[in-house]
Every structure is written in structure tokens, then in C-alpha cells.
């Protein structure tokens, strides 16, 4: 994962605090419970994107020869493939 658990916790705490402070949400449970759930969602989303990246890398490995010959731009093909798979699977990037 690109972001540490500490940073994710900080982001989740900030989201939970801001939602409550701006009266966008009223909590029936403690803010810590809400923050933990937000962190869980962020983490799950990042893990899903990491898995998607690995799958794209495996798919592109089959075209390694063309990419190495310069016939295809790896980053561009990687992003296009990733976007296509994400759309098919309903993953928001």
C-alpha cells in the first residue's frame, strides 16, 4: 500500500471530525467507531487498487516484447488497461 496505516487513520479521523463539525453527519456511536469504519473503507479500496495494479502488470507481461521494442508506451497501456478493468469491475479510482 502506498499510504501507511497511521496516515490512513489520520485521514479517517479528519473526515469523521469534519463531517460532524460541519453538521453533515450526526453520530449515534462514538466518533472513534466512525473513524475506524472510514479507515477500513479507505484501506479496502487501496488494497483493491493494489490487486488491480498487479493484475494489469501480469496482463502486460504477455506483451513485454512489443513494449521493450518501443512499439507501445508501457505507462499509457498500463493506465488504459487499468481504467478498463476498473470500469468492468465497478472500482472507482
Protein backbone atom coordinates (compact mmCIF):
# COMPACT_ATOMS: atom_id res chain seq x y z
CA UNK A 1 0.00 0.00 0.00
CA UNK A 2 1.21 3.48 -0.79
CA UNK A 3 -0.05 5.11 2.41
CA UNK A 4 0.81 3.97 5.91
CA UNK A 5 -1.85 2.88 8.38
CA UNK A 6 -1.02 5.90 10.54
CA UNK A 7 -1.73 8.30 7.67
CA UNK A 8 -4.97 6.47 6.84
CA UNK A 9 -6.03 6.76 10.49
CA UNK A 10 -5.23 10.47 10.46
CA UNK A 11 -7.26 10.99 7.27
CA UNK A 12 -10.18 8.97 8.66
CA UNK A 13 -10.11 10.95 11.92
CA UNK A 14 -10.12 14.21 9.97
CA UNK A 15 -13.05 13.10 7.80
CA UNK A 16 -15.09 12.00 10.81
CA UNK A 17 -14.34 15.25 12.66
CA UNK A 18 -15.15 17.46 9.68
CA UNK A 19 -18.41 15.69 8.91
CA UNK A 20 -19.57 16.23 12.46
CA UNK A 21 -18.22 19.79 12.76
CA UNK A 22 -19.96 20.90 9.56
CA UNK A 23 -23.21 19.22 10.67
CA UNK A 24 -23.11 16.89 7.67
CA UNK A 25 -23.43 13.85 9.93
CA UNK A 26 -24.69 13.09 13.40
CA UNK A 27 -23.23 10.01 15.03
CA UNK A 28 -25.21 7.52 17.13
CA UNK A 29 -21.91 5.82 18.03
CA UNK A 30 -18.58 7.28 19.08
CA UNK A 31 -16.51 9.19 16.57
CA UNK A 32 -13.78 6.55 17.04
CA UNK A 33 -16.11 3.87 15.67
CA UNK A 34 -16.94 6.05 12.67
CA UNK A 35 -13.28 6.85 12.11
CA UNK A 36 -12.36 3.15 12.25
CA UNK A 37 -15.01 2.33 9.63
CA UNK A 38 -13.79 5.13 7.36
CA UNK A 39 -10.22 3.82 7.71
CA UNK A 40 -11.46 0.31 6.89
CA UNK A 41 -13.12 1.55 3.70
CA UNK A 42 -10.04 3.53 2.63
CA UNK A 43 -7.81 0.52 3.28
CA UNK A 44 -10.09 -1.86 1.39
CA UNK A 45 -10.17 0.50 -1.58
CA UNK A 46 -6.39 0.79 -1.63
CA UNK A 47 -5.96 -2.98 -1.38
CA UNK A 48 -8.37 -3.43 -4.31
CA UNK A 49 -6.37 -0.95 -6.37
CA UNK A 50 -3.10 -2.70 -5.47
CA UNK A 51 -4.57 -6.02 -6.61
CA UNK A 52 -5.78 -4.39 -9.83
CA UNK A 53 -2.28 -3.00 -10.46
CA UNK A 54 -0.76 -6.45 -10.02
CA UNK A 55 -3.27 -7.97 -12.42
CA UNK A 56 -2.53 -5.31 -15.04
CA UNK A 57 1.20 -5.97 -14.67
CA UNK A 58 0.60 -9.67 -15.30
CA UNK A 59 -1.53 -8.93 -18.36
CA UNK A 60 1.09 -6.60 -19.79
CA UNK A 61 3.86 -9.11 -19.20
CA UNK A 62 2.42 -11.03 -22.14
CA UNK A 63 3.23 -8.03 -24.35
CA UNK A 64 6.67 -7.40 -22.92
CA UNK A 65 8.42 -7.88 -26.26
CA UNK A 66 6.39 -5.17 -28.02
CA UNK A 67 6.76 -2.81 -25.09
CA UNK A 68 10.52 -3.30 -24.90
CA UNK A 69 10.86 -2.70 -28.64
CA UNK A 70 9.22 0.67 -28.10
CA UNK A 71 6.13 -0.15 -30.08
CA UNK A 72 3.93 0.64 -27.07
CA UNK A 73 4.27 3.11 -24.21
CA UNK A 74 4.13 0.97 -21.06
CA UNK A 75 2.67 3.70 -18.78
CA UNK A 76 -0.05 4.59 -21.28
CA UNK A 77 -1.01 0.96 -21.91
CA UNK A 78 -0.89 0.27 -18.15
CA UNK A 79 -3.25 3.16 -17.36
CA UNK A 80 -5.65 2.32 -20.19
CA UNK A 81 -5.78 -1.33 -19.15
CA UNK A 82 -6.23 -0.39 -15.51
CA UNK A 83 -9.08 2.02 -16.32
CA UNK A 84 -10.81 -0.61 -18.46
CA UNK A 85 -10.59 -3.32 -15.79
CA UNK A 86 -11.66 -0.88 -13.06
CA UNK A 87 -14.73 0.12 -15.08
CA UNK A 88 -15.65 -3.51 -15.75
CA UNK A 89 -15.39 -4.32 -12.03
CA UNK A 90 -17.02 -1.18 -10.70
CA UNK A 91 -13.86 0.02 -8.97
CA UNK A 92 -13.63 3.79 -8.58
CA UNK A 93 -10.08 5.04 -8.90
